[in-house]
Amino acid sequence: MSEENNSQNPNQGSSENFDVSSEIQKIQEQAEKYKNDFLYLRAEFENYKRNAIKERSELLKYGGERFIRDLLDIVDNFDRALAVNITAENLNTFKQGVEMTATELRNLLTKHSVTEIPSEGVPFDPNIHEALSSEATDKVAPGHVARVFKKPYKLHDKVIRTGQVVVAKKPE
């Protein structure tokens, strides 16, 4: 009986070896495919990173282009105003032109989400205001902004320039 088992095992062993070697080959092929896929994805990711860095760099470099283009129209208006020979007859027209240009500049800022933060008469806030001094007055409650030297502005929700103000205090 043991001779029969021995005679059957060599035949089965070779078919098992064949199955195992073909299975190993399939696994090697699959591993090679995964390796190539990995290398391809890695190269793609490196390209993506390089392009993202380039885009970010260009955005920083040229991000203000639309704003600058709009601003140049206003600069042209100021240049035209400065080229005018001001006389007593055209002084009111000149003033009106400068006021229109200033309004155009404020509209440009609003268009690009830059807004003034109202400050006069509001409570002093160190996140928005920079106190230059204090002044005794009855016109405004103590701790409130009495006068504004430089207006504070925000871009969307972020304060981009704090205002320089005089803070009211109680008269003595």
N, C-alpha and C. Protein backbone atom coordinates (compact mmCIF):
# COMPACT_ATOMS: atom_id res chain seq x y z
N MET A 1 0.81 -1.16 0.00
CA MET A 1 0.00 0.00 0.00
C MET A 1 0.86 1.24 0.00
N SER A 2 1.89 1.20 0.78
CA SER A 2 2.78 2.34 0.82
C SER A 2 3.47 2.51 -0.53
N GLU A 3 3.71 1.44 -1.27
CA GLU A 3 4.29 1.56 -2.59
C GLU A 3 3.32 2.23 -3.55
N GLU A 4 2.05 1.94 -3.40
CA GLU A 4 1.05 2.57 -4.27
C GLU A 4 0.99 4.07 -4.00
N ASN A 5 1.05 4.44 -2.73
CA ASN A 5 1.02 5.86 -2.38
C ASN A 5 2.25 6.57 -2.94
N ASN A 6 3.37 5.92 -2.85
CA ASN A 6 4.60 6.51 -3.38
C ASN A 6 4.54 6.64 -4.89
N SER A 7 3.95 5.69 -5.53
CA SER A 7 3.88 5.77 -6.98
C SER A 7 2.88 6.83 -7.42
N GLN A 8 1.86 7.11 -6.64
CA GLN A 8 0.87 8.15 -7.01
C GLN A 8 1.40 9.54 -6.66
N ASN A 9 2.13 9.66 -5.58
CA ASN A 9 2.61 10.97 -5.13
C ASN A 9 3.54 11.65 -6.14
N PRO A 10 4.45 10.93 -6.77
CA PRO A 10 5.31 11.63 -7.72
C PRO A 10 4.51 12.25 -8.85
N ASN A 11 3.48 11.55 -9.34
CA ASN A 11 2.67 12.13 -10.40
C ASN A 11 1.89 13.34 -9.91
N GLN A 12 1.34 13.22 -8.72
CA GLN A 12 0.58 14.35 -8.17
C GLN A 12 1.54 15.49 -7.85
N GLY A 13 2.69 15.19 -7.37
CA GLY A 13 3.67 16.22 -7.03
C GLY A 13 4.04 17.07 -8.23
N SER A 14 4.20 16.47 -9.39
CA SER A 14 4.58 17.23 -10.57
C SER A 14 3.45 18.13 -11.03
N SER A 15 2.19 17.66 -10.93
CA SER A 15 1.07 18.53 -11.31
C SER A 15 0.90 19.64 -10.29
N GLU A 16 1.18 19.31 -9.01
CA GLU A 16 1.12 20.37 -7.98
C GLU A 16 2.23 21.37 -8.21
N ASN A 17 3.42 20.87 -8.58
CA ASN A 17 4.53 21.78 -8.88
C ASN A 17 4.19 22.66 -10.07
N PHE A 18 3.56 22.07 -11.05
CA PHE A 18 3.15 22.83 -12.23
C PHE A 18 2.14 23.90 -11.84
N ASP A 19 1.16 23.50 -11.03
CA ASP A 19 0.15 24.46 -10.57
C ASP A 19 0.79 25.57 -9.75
N VAL A 20 1.71 25.21 -8.87
CA VAL A 20 2.37 26.19 -8.02
C VAL A 20 3.22 27.13 -8.85
N SER A 21 3.97 26.59 -9.81
CA SER A 21 4.83 27.44 -10.62
C SER A 21 4.00 28.36 -11.51
N SER A 22 2.87 27.88 -12.04
CA SER A 22 2.02 28.76 -12.85
C SER A 22 1.36 29.81 -11.96
N GLU A 23 1.04 29.44 -10.74
CA GLU A 23 0.45 30.39 -9.78
C GLU A 23 1.48 31.46 -9.40
N ILE A 24 2.73 31.04 -9.21
CA ILE A 24 3.81 31.98 -8.90
C ILE A 24 4.02 32.93 -10.06
N GLN A 25 3.96 32.40 -11.27
CA GLN A 25 4.14 33.24 -12.45
C GLN A 25 3.02 34.27 -12.54
N LYS A 26 1.78 33.85 -12.28
CA LYS A 26 0.65 34.77 -12.31
C LYS A 26 0.82 35.87 -11.26
N ILE A 27 1.27 35.48 -10.08
CA ILE A 27 1.46 36.45 -8.99
C ILE A 27 2.59 37.41 -9.35
N GLN A 28 3.66 36.90 -9.98
CA GLN A 28 4.76 37.76 -10.39
C GLN A 28 4.29 38.77 -11.45
N GLU A 29 3.49 38.29 -12.41
CA GLU A 29 2.96 39.17 -13.44
C GLU A 29 2.07 40.25 -12.81
N GLN A 30 1.25 39.83 -11.87
CA GLN A 30 0.37 40.76 -11.18
C GLN A 30 1.19 41.78 -10.37
N ALA A 31 2.24 41.32 -9.71
CA ALA A 31 3.11 42.21 -8.94
C ALA A 31 3.79 43.20 -9.87
N GLU A 32 4.23 42.73 -11.04
CA GLU A 32 4.86 43.62 -12.01
C GLU A 32 3.87 44.68 -12.50
N LYS A 33 2.63 44.25 -12.74
CA LYS A 33 1.58 45.20 -13.17
C LYS A 33 1.34 46.24 -12.08
N TYR A 34 1.23 45.83 -10.82
CA TYR A 34 1.03 46.77 -9.71
C TYR A 34 2.21 47.72 -9.57
N LYS A 35 3.41 47.18 -9.79
CA LYS A 35 4.61 48.01 -9.70
C LYS A 35 4.57 49.09 -10.79
N ASN A 36 4.24 48.70 -12.02
CA ASN A 36 4.16 49.66 -13.13
C ASN A 36 3.06 50.70 -12.86
N ASP A 37 1.91 50.23 -12.36
CA ASP A 37 0.82 51.17 -12.03
C ASP A 37 1.28 52.16 -10.97
N PHE A 38 1.99 51.65 -9.96
CA PHE A 38 2.49 52.51 -8.89
C PHE A 38 3.46 53.55 -9.45
N LEU A 39 4.39 53.11 -10.29
CA LEU A 39 5.37 54.04 -10.86
C LEU A 39 4.68 55.09 -11.73
N TYR A 40 3.67 54.66 -12.50
CA TYR A 40 2.92 55.60 -13.33
C TYR A 40 2.20 56.63 -12.46
N LEU A 41 1.53 56.17 -11.40
CA LEU A 41 0.82 57.09 -10.51
C LEU A 41 1.78 58.03 -9.79
N ARG A 42 2.92 57.52 -9.41
CA ARG A 42 3.92 58.35 -8.74
C ARG A 42 4.41 59.45 -9.68
N ALA A 43 4.66 59.09 -10.93
CA ALA A 43 5.08 60.10 -11.91
C ALA A 43 3.97 61.12 -12.15
N GLU A 44 2.73 60.65 -12.24
CA GLU A 44 1.60 61.56 -12.40
C GLU A 44 1.49 62.52 -11.22
N PHE A 45 1.67 62.00 -10.02
CA PHE A 45 1.58 62.83 -8.83
C PHE A 45 2.70 63.86 -8.80
N GLU A 46 3.90 63.48 -9.19
CA GLU A 46 5.02 64.43 -9.26
C GLU A 46 4.71 65.55 -10.25
N ASN A 47 4.14 65.19 -11.40
CA ASN A 47 3.73 66.20 -12.38
C ASN A 47 2.67 67.12 -11.80
N TYR A 48 1.70 66.54 -11.09
CA TYR A 48 0.63 67.32 -10.47
C TYR A 48 1.23 68.31 -9.46
N LYS A 49 2.14 67.83 -8.62
CA LYS A 49 2.77 68.72 -7.62
C LYS A 49 3.52 69.85 -8.31
N ARG A 50 4.26 69.53 -9.34
CA ARG A 50 5.04 70.53 -10.06
C ARG A 50 4.10 71.57 -10.68
N ASN A 51 3.01 71.11 -11.29
CA ASN A 51 2.04 72.04 -11.90
C ASN A 51 1.33 72.87 -10.84
N ALA A 52 0.99 72.27 -9.70
CA ALA A 52 0.32 73.02 -8.62
C ALA A 52 1.23 74.11 -8.08
N ILE A 53 2.50 73.81 -7.91
CA ILE A 53 3.46 74.81 -7.44
C ILE A 53 3.59 75.93 -8.46
N LYS A 54 3.64 75.58 -9.73
CA LYS A 54 3.75 76.58 -10.80
C LYS A 54 2.50 77.47 -10.83
N GLU A 55 1.30 76.85 -10.72
CA GLU A 55 0.06 77.62 -10.73
C GLU A 55 -0.01 78.55 -9.52
N ARG A 56 0.36 78.05 -8.36
CA ARG A 56 0.34 78.86 -7.15
C ARG A 56 1.30 80.04 -7.29
N SER A 57 2.46 79.79 -7.85
CA SER A 57 3.45 80.84 -8.06
C SER A 57 2.91 81.90 -9.02
N GLU A 58 2.29 81.46 -10.10
CA GLU A 58 1.72 82.40 -11.06
C GLU A 58 0.54 83.17 -10.47
N LEU A 59 -0.23 82.50 -9.63
CA LEU A 59 -1.35 83.18 -8.98
C LEU A 59 -0.85 84.29 -8.07
N LEU A 60 0.22 84.00 -7.32
CA LEU A 60 0.80 85.03 -6.47
C LEU A 60 1.39 86.16 -7.30
N LYS A 61 2.02 85.80 -8.39
CA LYS A 61 2.69 86.80 -9.23
C LYS A 61 1.69 87.65 -10.00
N TYR A 62 0.64 87.02 -10.55
CA TYR A 62 -0.29 87.74 -11.42
C TYR A 62 -1.71 87.82 -10.87
N GLY A 63 -1.89 87.45 -9.60
CA GLY A 63 -3.23 87.40 -9.02
C GLY A 63 -3.95 88.74 -9.01
N GLY A 64 -3.21 89.82 -8.88
CA GLY A 64 -3.83 91.14 -8.82
C GLY A 64 -4.04 91.78 -10.18
N GLU A 65 -3.84 91.02 -11.24
CA GLU A 65 -3.89 91.58 -12.59
C GLU A 65 -5.23 92.24 -12.90
N ARG A 66 -6.33 91.59 -12.56
CA ARG A 66 -7.66 92.14 -12.86
C ARG A 66 -7.87 93.45 -12.10
N PHE A 67 -7.46 93.46 -10.82
CA PHE A 67 -7.58 94.67 -10.01
C PHE A 67 -6.72 95.79 -10.58
N ILE A 68 -5.49 95.47 -10.95
CA ILE A 68 -4.57 96.48 -11.49
C ILE A 68 -5.12 97.05 -12.80
N ARG A 69 -5.66 96.19 -13.66
CA ARG A 69 -6.23 96.66 -14.92
C ARG A 69 -7.35 97.67 -14.67
N ASP A 70 -8.22 97.36 -13.70
CA ASP A 70 -9.31 98.28 -13.35
C ASP A 70 -8.75 99.56 -12.74
N LEU A 71 -7.71 99.44 -11.93
CA LEU A 71 -7.12 100.60 -11.27
C LEU A 71 -6.44 101.53 -12.27
N LEU A 72 -5.89 100.98 -13.33
CA LEU A 72 -5.20 101.82 -14.32
C LEU A 72 -6.15 102.81 -14.99
N ASP A 73 -7.41 102.44 -15.15
CA ASP A 73 -8.39 103.39 -15.71
C ASP A 73 -8.55 104.60 -14.79
N ILE A 74 -8.53 104.36 -13.50
CA ILE A 74 -8.66 105.46 -12.54
C ILE A 74 -7.39 106.30 -12.52
N VAL A 75 -6.23 105.65 -12.63
CA VAL A 75 -4.96 106.38 -12.70
C VAL A 75 -4.97 107.29 -13.93
N ASP A 76 -5.49 106.80 -15.05
CA ASP A 76 -5.59 107.63 -16.26
C ASP A 76 -6.45 108.86 -16.00
N ASN A 77 -7.55 108.69 -15.27
CA ASN A 77 -8.40 109.83 -14.95
C ASN A 77 -7.66 110.84 -14.08
N PHE A 78 -6.90 110.38 -13.10
CA PHE A 78 -6.11 111.30 -12.28
C PHE A 78 -5.04 112.00 -13.12
N ASP A 79 -4.41 111.29 -14.02
CA ASP A 79 -3.41 111.91 -14.90
C ASP A 79 -4.03 113.00 -15.76
N ARG A 80 -5.22 112.74 -16.29
CA ARG A 80 -5.92 113.76 -17.09
C ARG A 80 -6.27 114.97 -16.23
N ALA A 81 -6.67 114.73 -14.98
CA ALA A 81 -7.00 115.84 -14.08
C ALA A 81 -5.76 116.67 -13.77
N LEU A 82 -4.64 116.02 -13.57
CA LEU A 82 -3.40 116.75 -13.28
C LEU A 82 -2.90 117.54 -14.49
N ALA A 83 -3.26 117.13 -15.68
CA ALA A 83 -2.83 117.81 -16.89
C ALA A 83 -3.65 119.08 -17.17
N VAL A 84 -4.78 119.23 -16.49
CA VAL A 84 -5.65 120.39 -16.71
C VAL A 84 -5.03 121.62 -16.08
N ASN A 85 -5.05 122.72 -16.82
CA ASN A 85 -4.61 124.00 -16.29
C ASN A 85 -5.78 124.59 -15.50
N ILE A 86 -5.66 124.63 -14.19
CA ILE A 86 -6.77 125.04 -13.33
C ILE A 86 -6.85 126.57 -13.29
N THR A 87 -8.05 127.05 -13.58
CA THR A 87 -8.34 128.48 -13.51
C THR A 87 -9.56 128.67 -12.62
N ALA A 88 -9.87 129.93 -12.34
CA ALA A 88 -11.04 130.23 -11.50
C ALA A 88 -12.32 129.74 -12.17
N GLU A 89 -12.36 129.78 -13.51
CA GLU A 89 -13.55 129.36 -14.25
C GLU A 89 -13.79 127.85 -14.21
N ASN A 90 -12.73 127.07 -14.22
CA ASN A 90 -12.91 125.61 -14.28
C ASN A 90 -12.65 124.92 -12.94
N LEU A 91 -12.48 125.69 -11.87
CA LEU A 91 -12.19 125.09 -10.56
C LEU A 91 -13.30 124.16 -10.09
N ASN A 92 -14.56 124.57 -10.22
CA ASN A 92 -15.68 123.72 -9.79
C ASN A 92 -15.77 122.45 -10.63
N THR A 93 -15.53 122.56 -11.93
CA THR A 93 -15.55 121.40 -12.81
C THR A 93 -14.41 120.45 -12.45
N PHE A 94 -13.24 121.02 -12.17
CA PHE A 94 -12.08 120.21 -11.78
C PHE A 94 -12.39 119.45 -10.49
N LYS A 95 -12.92 120.17 -9.50
CA LYS A 95 -13.26 119.54 -8.23
C LYS A 95 -14.27 118.42 -8.43
N GLN A 96 -15.27 118.66 -9.25
CA GLN A 96 -16.30 117.66 -9.54
C GLN A 96 -15.67 116.42 -10.22
N GLY A 97 -14.72 116.63 -11.11
CA GLY A 97 -14.03 115.53 -11.79
C GLY A 97 -13.21 114.69 -10.81
N VAL A 98 -12.52 115.36 -9.89
CA VAL A 98 -11.73 114.64 -8.89
C VAL A 98 -12.65 113.85 -7.97
N GLU A 99 -13.79 114.43 -7.58
CA GLU A 99 -14.76 113.72 -6.74
C GLU A 99 -15.31 112.49 -7.46
N MET A 100 -15.58 112.63 -8.75
CA MET A 100 -16.07 111.49 -9.54
C MET A 100 -15.02 110.38 -9.61
N THR A 101 -13.76 110.78 -9.76
CA THR A 101 -12.68 109.81 -9.82
C THR A 101 -12.50 109.10 -8.47
N ALA A 102 -12.64 109.87 -7.38
CA ALA A 102 -12.56 109.27 -6.05
C ALA A 102 -13.70 108.27 -5.84
N THR A 103 -14.89 108.61 -6.32
CA THR A 103 -16.03 107.69 -6.23
C THR A 103 -15.76 106.44 -7.05
N GLU A 104 -15.18 106.62 -8.22
CA GLU A 104 -14.82 105.49 -9.08
C GLU A 104 -13.82 104.57 -8.37
N LEU A 105 -12.87 105.16 -7.64
CA LEU A 105 -11.89 104.38 -6.89
C LEU A 105 -12.56 103.60 -5.76
N ARG A 106 -13.47 104.23 -5.03
CA ARG A 106 -14.20 103.53 -3.96
C ARG A 106 -15.03 102.38 -4.53
N ASN A 107 -15.66 102.60 -5.67
CA ASN A 107 -16.45 101.55 -6.33
C ASN A 107 -15.56 100.38 -6.75
N LEU A 108 -14.36 100.69 -7.22
CA LEU A 108 -13.41 99.64 -7.60
C LEU A 108 -13.05 98.78 -6.39
N LEU A 109 -12.78 99.43 -5.27
CA LEU A 109 -12.45 98.69 -4.06
C LEU A 109 -13.62 97.79 -3.64
N THR A 110 -14.82 98.33 -3.69
CA THR A 110 -16.01 97.54 -3.34
C THR A 110 -16.17 96.36 -4.30
N LYS A 111 -15.95 96.60 -5.57
CA LYS A 111 -16.06 95.54 -6.59
C LYS A 111 -15.12 94.38 -6.27
N HIS A 112 -13.97 94.71 -5.70
CA HIS A 112 -12.97 93.68 -5.38
C HIS A 112 -13.01 93.30 -3.90
N SER A 113 -14.16 93.50 -3.27
CA SER A 113 -14.44 93.06 -1.89
C SER A 113 -13.59 93.74 -0.83
N VAL A 114 -13.13 94.95 -1.12
CA VAL A 114 -12.42 95.75 -0.12
C VAL A 114 -13.43 96.77 0.40
N THR A 115 -13.69 96.72 1.70
CA THR A 115 -14.68 97.63 2.27
C THR A 115 -14.10 98.37 3.46
N GLU A 116 -14.58 99.58 3.63
CA GLU A 116 -14.18 100.41 4.76
C GLU A 116 -14.93 99.91 6.00
N ILE A 117 -14.25 99.90 7.12
CA ILE A 117 -14.89 99.53 8.39
C ILE A 117 -15.26 100.84 9.08
N PRO A 118 -16.56 101.11 9.24
CA PRO A 118 -16.97 102.36 9.91
C PRO A 118 -16.36 102.42 11.31
N SER A 119 -15.81 103.57 11.68
CA SER A 119 -15.09 103.64 12.95
C SER A 119 -15.51 104.80 13.83
N GLU A 120 -15.83 105.92 13.27
CA GLU A 120 -16.11 107.10 14.08
C GLU A 120 -17.35 106.85 14.96
N GLY A 121 -17.15 107.02 16.27
CA GLY A 121 -18.25 106.86 17.21
C GLY A 121 -18.48 105.44 17.69
N VAL A 122 -17.74 104.47 17.17
CA VAL A 122 -17.91 103.07 17.59
C VAL A 122 -16.92 102.76 18.70
N PRO A 123 -17.17 101.71 19.49
CA PRO A 123 -16.22 101.35 20.55
C PRO A 123 -14.85 101.00 19.95
N PHE A 124 -13.81 101.41 20.67
CA PHE A 124 -12.44 101.10 20.24
C PHE A 124 -12.23 99.59 20.26
N ASP A 125 -11.70 99.05 19.18
CA ASP A 125 -11.41 97.61 19.07
C ASP A 125 -9.96 97.47 18.61
N PRO A 126 -9.08 96.94 19.45
CA PRO A 126 -7.67 96.84 19.06
C PRO A 126 -7.42 95.92 17.87
N ASN A 127 -8.40 95.09 17.51
CA ASN A 127 -8.25 94.25 16.32
C ASN A 127 -8.47 95.06 15.04
N ILE A 128 -9.12 96.19 15.16
CA ILE A 128 -9.45 97.01 14.00
C ILE A 128 -8.76 98.37 14.05
N HIS A 129 -8.54 98.87 15.25
CA HIS A 129 -8.02 100.23 15.42
C HIS A 129 -6.65 100.24 16.08
N GLU A 130 -5.90 101.26 15.73
CA GLU A 130 -4.63 101.56 16.39
C GLU A 130 -4.81 102.92 17.04
N ALA A 131 -4.74 102.98 18.35
CA ALA A 131 -4.94 104.25 19.07
C ALA A 131 -3.68 105.10 18.97
N LEU A 132 -3.82 106.28 18.38
CA LEU A 132 -2.70 107.20 18.30
C LEU A 132 -2.61 108.05 19.56
N SER A 133 -3.78 108.38 20.11
CA SER A 133 -3.83 109.16 21.35
C SER A 133 -5.24 109.08 21.91
N SER A 134 -5.44 109.77 23.03
CA SER A 134 -6.79 109.87 23.58
C SER A 134 -7.10 111.35 23.73
N GLU A 135 -8.40 111.63 23.78
CA GLU A 135 -8.82 113.03 23.79
C GLU A 135 -10.04 113.16 24.70
N ALA A 136 -10.02 114.13 25.58
CA ALA A 136 -11.16 114.38 26.45
C ALA A 136 -12.26 115.04 25.64
N THR A 137 -13.45 114.44 25.61
CA THR A 137 -14.56 114.99 24.84
C THR A 137 -15.90 114.51 25.39
N ASP A 138 -16.93 115.34 25.16
CA ASP A 138 -18.30 114.96 25.52
C ASP A 138 -19.07 114.49 24.29
N LYS A 139 -18.50 114.66 23.11
CA LYS A 139 -19.20 114.31 21.86
C LYS A 139 -19.36 112.81 21.68
N VAL A 140 -18.41 112.04 22.21
CA VAL A 140 -18.41 110.59 22.04
C VAL A 140 -18.20 109.95 23.42
N ALA A 141 -18.81 108.80 23.65
CA ALA A 141 -18.67 108.10 24.92
C ALA A 141 -17.21 107.68 25.14
N PRO A 142 -16.77 107.68 26.37
CA PRO A 142 -15.39 107.24 26.66
C PRO A 142 -15.16 105.81 26.14
N GLY A 143 -13.96 105.60 25.59
CA GLY A 143 -13.62 104.29 25.05
C GLY A 143 -14.07 104.10 23.61
N HIS A 144 -14.72 105.13 23.04
CA HIS A 144 -15.17 105.09 21.65
C HIS A 144 -14.22 105.92 20.78
N VAL A 145 -14.27 105.71 19.50
CA VAL A 145 -13.41 106.42 18.55
C VAL A 145 -13.95 107.84 18.37
N ALA A 146 -13.12 108.83 18.68
CA ALA A 146 -13.52 110.23 18.54
C ALA A 146 -13.18 110.76 17.15
N ARG A 147 -11.99 110.44 16.66
CA ARG A 147 -11.57 110.90 15.33
C ARG A 147 -10.80 109.79 14.62
N VAL A 148 -10.83 109.84 13.30
CA VAL A 148 -10.14 108.83 12.49
C VAL A 148 -9.11 109.53 11.62
N PHE A 149 -7.85 109.10 11.74
CA PHE A 149 -6.80 109.63 10.88
C PHE A 149 -6.66 108.78 9.62
N LYS A 150 -6.65 107.47 9.79
CA LYS A 150 -6.62 106.53 8.66
C LYS A 150 -7.76 105.56 8.85
N LYS A 151 -8.56 105.37 7.83
CA LYS A 151 -9.71 104.48 7.90
C LYS A 151 -9.25 103.02 7.86
N PRO A 152 -9.90 102.17 8.64
CA PRO A 152 -9.58 100.74 8.54
C PRO A 152 -10.34 100.10 7.37
N TYR A 153 -9.72 99.09 6.75
CA TYR A 153 -10.34 98.39 5.63
C TYR A 153 -10.23 96.89 5.83
N LYS A 154 -11.17 96.17 5.22
CA LYS A 154 -11.11 94.71 5.25
C LYS A 154 -11.29 94.18 3.84
N LEU A 155 -10.68 93.04 3.60
CA LEU A 155 -10.83 92.30 2.35
C LEU A 155 -11.63 91.06 2.71
N HIS A 156 -12.84 90.97 2.19
CA HIS A 156 -13.80 89.94 2.58
C HIS A 156 -14.02 90.05 4.09
N ASP A 157 -13.53 89.09 4.88
CA ASP A 157 -13.72 89.11 6.33
C ASP A 157 -12.45 89.48 7.09
N LYS A 158 -11.35 89.68 6.39
CA LYS A 158 -10.06 89.90 7.03
C LYS A 158 -9.70 91.38 7.03
N VAL A 159 -9.30 91.90 8.20
CA VAL A 159 -8.83 93.28 8.30
C VAL A 159 -7.47 93.34 7.61
N ILE A 160 -7.38 94.20 6.58
CA ILE A 160 -6.12 94.30 5.85
C ILE A 160 -5.35 95.58 6.21
N ARG A 161 -6.08 96.54 6.83
CA ARG A 161 -5.40 97.72 7.34
C ARG A 161 -6.15 98.21 8.56
N THR A 162 -5.44 98.32 9.67
CA THR A 162 -6.08 98.86 10.86
C THR A 162 -6.19 100.37 10.72
N GLY A 163 -7.18 100.92 11.38
CA GLY A 163 -7.38 102.36 11.34
C GLY A 163 -6.59 103.05 12.43
N GLN A 164 -6.09 104.22 12.12
CA GLN A 164 -5.41 105.02 13.14
C GLN A 164 -6.42 106.01 13.68
N VAL A 165 -6.66 105.94 14.99
CA VAL A 165 -7.76 106.70 15.59
C VAL A 165 -7.33 107.39 16.89
N VAL A 166 -8.18 108.35 17.28
CA VAL A 166 -8.07 108.99 18.59
C VAL A 166 -9.24 108.49 19.40
N VAL A 167 -8.97 108.01 20.60
CA VAL A 167 -9.99 107.42 21.45
C VAL A 167 -10.47 108.47 22.45
N ALA A 168 -11.78 108.52 22.67
CA ALA A 168 -12.38 109.49 23.59
C ALA A 168 -12.18 109.05 25.03
N LYS A 169 -11.99 110.04 25.90
CA LYS A 169 -11.96 109.77 27.34
C LYS A 169 -12.79 110.83 28.04
N LYS A 170 -13.13 110.59 29.29
CA LYS A 170 -13.95 111.52 30.05
C LYS A 170 -13.22 112.85 30.22
N PRO A 171 -13.97 113.95 30.06
CA PRO A 171 -13.33 115.25 30.34
C PRO A 171 -13.07 115.38 31.85
N GLU A 172 -11.99 116.01 32.19
CA GLU A 172 -11.64 116.14 33.62
C GLU A 172 -12.17 117.39 34.22
